[in-house]
Amino acid sequence: MTHASSAEAPPHSRHPRAGHPHRRRSRGLRVLTTLLLAYGALAYLLIPELWHVSEDRHAGLKNEPELTHTASGIPADPVNVALIGTHDEVVGTLLAAGWHPADPITLRSSVDIAADTVFRREYLDAPVSSLYLFGRREDLAFEEPEGRSPQRRHHVRFWKSAETGEQGRPVWLGAATFDRGVGFSHTTGQITHHIAAQIDAERDRLAASLERTGRVQSSDTLPGFHTIRHGRNGGGDPWVTDGALRVLVLRHSP
């Protein structure tokens, strides 16, 4: 007895395919090409142009000093931020961002910070040691504690420059660092705060906190400000930077 044989199904019906391999390769190639073109435009055209715009806007800052010094002339914390605004605008913006003005160094404040460090008591306005720029100590000093003890804190010192920025307002050069603890200076043996090496993180953290107040008109990055990208401060603590200066123009207050 014979049986009628069914027609054999064609190969493509037995093994359905999602698409032709050469089509998938073609789509992948187009995606890769698009990504490469976008990267090239961003890395070689847009970002360099933004750097040039920043350099042109703040050309006068390129000749400002890079490092502060101790009273003994030892190189200290690097300058890494600049604010453009009046005295009241600078102080008002820092206060609005939650920063506290540091107390002046007196016998009383020195005793207080020592005791509060030992007993881990809060001291929001603890004094900071004086550093020098333009031959004088800082004009302003602000801090933001981390935890209760004043041994760990974010802080920044500002010096009023002879330069002027937008609308003829003063330029304030700042050195922002993080005090990671208290110990003995590696250069003098005195008791001092030791800073964290990543000063760029403090620079960017300060800028972000000021921008959140809504009082910053514009924020730029000035590349190549530092000719030396690493070193040690007055206490012998190492620091490293990408060499850029953050420049923040504050909103003008009548």
Protein backbone atom coordinates (compact mmCIF):
# COMPACT_ATOMS: atom_id res chain seq x y z
CA MET A 1 0.00 0.00 0.00
CA THR A 2 1.38 3.31 -0.89
CA HIS A 3 0.96 6.60 0.95
CA ALA A 4 0.89 9.98 -0.66
CA SER A 5 3.97 11.82 0.45
CA SER A 6 3.47 15.38 1.57
CA ALA A 7 5.51 18.06 -0.12
CA GLU A 8 8.66 18.93 1.79
CA ALA A 9 8.47 22.34 3.41
CA PRO A 10 10.89 24.85 1.98
CA PRO A 11 13.93 25.59 4.15
CA HIS A 12 12.84 29.13 5.05
CA SER A 13 9.55 27.90 6.52
CA ARG A 14 11.32 25.39 8.77
CA HIS A 15 13.79 27.90 10.22
CA PRO A 16 12.31 31.41 10.39
CA ARG A 17 14.91 34.14 10.66
CA ALA A 18 14.67 37.51 12.45
CA GLY A 19 16.37 39.28 9.58
CA HIS A 20 19.15 38.98 7.10
CA PRO A 21 22.63 39.06 8.68
CA HIS A 22 23.87 41.69 6.26
CA ARG A 23 20.94 43.96 7.23
CA ARG A 24 21.75 43.63 10.93
CA ARG A 25 25.39 44.41 10.21
CA SER A 26 24.33 47.42 8.17
CA ARG A 27 22.19 48.81 11.00
CA GLY A 28 24.98 48.24 13.51
CA LEU A 29 27.44 50.00 11.25
CA ARG A 30 25.12 53.01 10.92
CA VAL A 31 24.68 53.23 14.71
CA LEU A 32 28.43 52.97 15.26
CA THR A 33 29.12 55.62 12.62
CA THR A 34 26.56 57.98 14.22
CA LEU A 35 28.11 57.51 17.66
CA LEU A 36 31.62 58.13 16.33
CA LEU A 37 30.48 61.30 14.54
CA ALA A 38 28.74 62.56 17.68
CA TYR A 39 31.84 61.85 19.76
CA GLY A 40 34.06 63.63 17.26
CA ALA A 41 31.82 66.69 17.17
CA LEU A 42 31.64 66.84 20.96
CA ALA A 43 35.29 66.15 21.75
CA TYR A 44 36.96 68.04 18.91
CA LEU A 45 34.53 70.86 18.10
CA LEU A 46 32.02 71.72 20.82
CA ILE A 47 34.05 71.25 24.02
CA PRO A 48 37.22 73.00 22.71
CA GLU A 49 35.03 75.89 21.54
CA LEU A 50 33.51 76.19 25.01
CA TRP A 51 37.02 76.28 26.48
CA HIS A 52 37.96 79.10 24.11
CA VAL A 53 34.84 81.09 25.02
CA SER A 54 35.70 80.73 28.70
CA GLU A 55 39.30 81.80 28.09
CA ASP A 56 38.17 84.86 26.13
CA ARG A 57 35.64 85.91 28.77
CA HIS A 58 38.10 85.64 31.66
CA ALA A 59 41.43 86.30 29.96
CA GLY A 60 42.54 88.62 32.78
CA LEU A 61 42.42 85.79 35.30
CA LYS A 62 45.08 83.76 33.51
CA ASN A 63 47.82 85.94 35.00
CA GLU A 64 46.58 85.74 38.58
CA PRO A 65 48.66 83.85 41.20
CA GLU A 66 48.12 80.09 41.40
CA LEU A 67 49.15 79.40 44.99
CA THR A 68 48.63 80.92 48.39
CA HIS A 69 51.45 81.02 50.95
CA THR A 70 51.82 80.73 54.69
CA ALA A 71 53.08 83.63 56.81
CA SER A 72 56.55 82.05 56.51
CA GLY A 73 56.37 82.07 52.71
CA ILE A 74 55.80 78.32 52.34
CA PRO A 75 53.58 77.43 49.33
CA ALA A 76 50.12 76.55 50.62
CA ASP A 77 46.66 75.79 49.20
CA PRO A 78 46.12 76.26 45.44
CA VAL A 79 43.69 78.85 44.09
CA ASN A 80 40.88 76.91 42.41
CA VAL A 81 37.77 79.13 42.30
CA ALA A 82 36.89 82.74 41.49
CA LEU A 83 33.71 84.68 42.22
CA ILE A 84 32.72 87.88 40.44
CA GLY A 85 30.52 90.16 42.50
CA THR A 86 30.45 92.79 45.19
CA HIS A 87 31.40 92.05 48.79
CA ASP A 88 27.74 91.86 49.81
CA GLU A 89 26.88 89.61 46.86
CA VAL A 90 29.68 87.19 47.70
CA VAL A 91 28.85 87.06 51.41
CA GLY A 92 25.10 86.83 50.76
CA THR A 93 25.52 83.95 48.30
CA LEU A 94 27.76 81.97 50.67
CA LEU A 95 25.35 82.48 53.57
CA ALA A 96 22.41 81.45 51.38
CA ALA A 97 24.31 78.27 50.46
CA GLY A 98 24.67 77.35 54.14
CA TRP A 99 28.32 78.31 54.62
CA HIS A 100 29.42 79.84 57.93
CA PRO A 101 31.89 82.75 58.28
CA ALA A 102 34.94 81.65 60.25
CA ASP A 103 35.68 83.35 63.53
CA PRO A 104 38.89 85.39 63.71
CA ILE A 105 41.85 83.71 65.37
CA THR A 106 42.00 84.80 69.00
CA LEU A 107 43.12 83.12 72.20
CA ARG A 108 39.49 82.34 73.01
CA SER A 109 38.64 80.88 69.58
CA SER A 110 41.88 78.86 69.56
CA VAL A 111 41.04 77.33 72.94
CA ASP A 112 37.46 76.68 71.80
CA ILE A 113 38.43 74.85 68.61
CA ALA A 114 40.98 72.73 70.49
CA ALA A 115 38.44 71.74 73.14
CA ASP A 116 35.64 71.14 70.65
CA THR A 117 37.93 68.96 68.52
CA VAL A 118 38.93 66.82 71.49
CA PHE A 119 35.40 66.46 72.87
CA ARG A 120 33.77 66.33 69.39
CA ARG A 121 31.56 69.32 70.04
CA GLU A 122 30.01 71.36 67.24
CA TYR A 123 31.73 74.65 66.35
CA LEU A 124 30.12 76.00 63.18
CA ASP A 125 32.27 79.16 63.02
CA ALA A 126 35.62 77.65 64.00
CA PRO A 127 38.62 79.79 62.95
CA VAL A 128 40.85 78.85 60.03
CA SER A 129 44.56 79.56 59.85
CA SER A 130 45.57 82.57 57.79
CA LEU A 131 47.04 82.15 54.31
CA TYR A 132 48.44 84.89 52.09
CA LEU A 133 47.83 86.04 48.53
CA PHE A 134 48.81 89.41 47.03
CA GLY A 135 50.96 89.83 50.14
CA ARG A 136 48.01 89.85 52.56
CA ARG A 137 45.87 87.38 54.48
CA GLU A 138 42.45 86.32 53.24
CA ASP A 139 39.63 88.86 53.12
CA LEU A 140 36.92 86.26 53.72
CA ALA A 141 36.87 82.73 55.14
CA PHE A 142 33.86 80.41 55.19
CA GLU A 143 33.33 76.81 56.22
CA GLU A 144 30.80 74.01 56.27
CA PRO A 145 31.32 71.34 58.95
CA GLU A 146 31.11 67.62 58.27
CA GLY A 147 29.84 66.01 61.42
CA ARG A 148 29.98 67.55 64.88
CA SER A 149 33.71 67.96 65.39
CA PRO A 150 35.47 70.90 63.68
CA GLN A 151 38.34 68.62 62.68
CA ARG A 152 36.49 67.65 59.47
CA ARG A 153 35.11 70.53 57.43
CA HIS A 154 34.84 72.05 53.98
CA HIS A 155 36.32 75.52 53.87
CA VAL A 156 37.30 78.29 51.48
CA ARG A 157 39.30 81.48 51.75
CA PHE A 158 38.82 84.45 49.42
CA TRP A 159 41.06 87.35 48.45
CA LYS A 160 39.81 90.41 46.59
CA SER A 161 41.81 90.82 43.39
CA ALA A 162 42.69 93.99 41.54
CA GLU A 163 40.95 92.47 38.51
CA THR A 164 37.35 93.32 37.70
CA GLY A 165 34.82 91.18 35.90
CA GLU A 166 31.37 91.67 34.44
CA GLN A 167 29.76 95.05 35.14
CA GLY A 168 33.04 96.20 36.65
CA ARG A 169 32.52 94.15 39.80
CA PRO A 170 35.46 92.77 41.81
CA VAL A 171 37.02 89.36 41.28
CA TRP A 172 37.51 87.24 44.41
CA LEU A 173 40.08 84.45 44.16
CA GLY A 174 39.43 81.49 46.41
CA ALA A 175 41.15 78.37 47.67
CA ALA A 176 38.64 75.63 48.56
CA THR A 177 39.87 72.52 50.37
CA PHE A 178 38.57 69.83 52.73
CA ASP A 179 40.02 69.36 56.20
CA ARG A 180 40.09 65.59 56.69
CA GLY A 181 41.51 65.65 60.23
CA VAL A 182 43.87 67.21 62.74
CA GLY A 183 47.52 66.27 63.18
CA PHE A 184 51.05 67.58 63.13
CA SER A 185 52.32 69.63 60.22
CA HIS A 186 54.84 67.75 58.09
CA THR A 187 56.81 70.97 57.57
CA THR A 188 56.79 72.74 60.96
CA GLY A 189 55.57 70.14 63.46
CA GLN A 190 52.76 72.46 64.59
CA ILE A 191 49.25 71.16 65.21
CA THR A 192 47.19 71.79 62.09
CA HIS A 193 44.39 70.52 59.89
CA HIS A 194 45.37 68.12 57.10
CA ILE A 195 43.64 68.59 53.74
CA ALA A 196 42.39 65.97 51.29
CA ALA A 197 44.43 65.74 48.09
CA GLN A 198 41.50 65.97 45.64
CA ILE A 199 41.04 69.74 45.66
CA ASP A 200 39.04 69.66 42.39
CA ALA A 201 36.26 67.84 44.22
CA GLU A 202 36.06 70.67 46.75
CA ARG A 203 36.14 73.28 43.99
CA ASP A 204 33.22 71.62 42.20
CA ARG A 205 31.32 71.00 45.43
CA LEU A 206 31.55 74.67 46.39
CA ALA A 207 30.43 75.78 42.93
CA ALA A 208 27.45 73.41 43.01
CA SER A 209 26.33 74.61 46.44
CA LEU A 210 26.44 78.25 45.30
CA GLU A 211 24.58 77.47 42.07
CA ARG A 212 21.75 75.85 44.04
CA THR A 213 20.99 79.22 45.68
CA GLY A 214 19.84 80.66 42.34
CA ARG A 215 22.23 83.58 42.85
CA VAL A 216 24.77 82.52 40.22
CA GLN A 217 24.36 84.19 36.83
CA SER A 218 26.88 82.02 34.97
CA SER A 219 29.51 79.40 35.69
CA ASP A 220 32.59 78.82 33.52
CA THR A 221 35.70 76.69 33.70
CA LEU A 222 39.01 78.33 32.85
CA PRO A 223 41.41 75.57 31.70
CA GLY A 224 45.16 75.64 32.11
CA PHE A 225 45.10 78.06 35.05
CA HIS A 226 47.61 75.95 36.96
CA THR A 227 50.98 75.37 35.33
CA ILE A 228 51.79 72.90 38.14
CA ARG A 229 49.20 70.15 38.60
CA HIS A 230 50.36 68.65 41.90
CA GLY A 231 52.32 69.65 44.98
CA ARG A 232 52.17 69.99 48.76
CA ASN A 233 50.59 72.70 50.88
CA GLY A 234 52.01 74.53 53.89
CA GLY A 235 51.38 71.55 56.16
CA GLY A 236 53.08 69.17 53.75
CA ASP A 237 49.84 67.58 52.56
CA PRO A 238 49.78 66.47 48.90
CA TRP A 239 47.28 67.94 46.45
CA VAL A 240 46.45 67.28 42.82
CA THR A 241 44.37 69.22 40.27
CA ASP A 242 43.31 69.12 36.64
CA GLY A 243 44.59 72.70 36.40
CA ALA A 244 41.24 74.42 35.85
CA LEU A 245 39.79 77.44 37.66
CA ARG A 246 36.02 77.59 38.24
CA VAL A 247 34.68 81.10 37.63
CA LEU A 248 31.22 81.99 38.92
CA VAL A 249 29.54 85.28 38.05
CA LEU A 250 27.02 86.19 40.73
CA ARG A 251 23.71 87.82 39.95
CA HIS A 252 23.91 91.56 40.31
CA SER A 253 22.10 93.01 43.32
CA PRO A 254 21.18 96.69 43.01
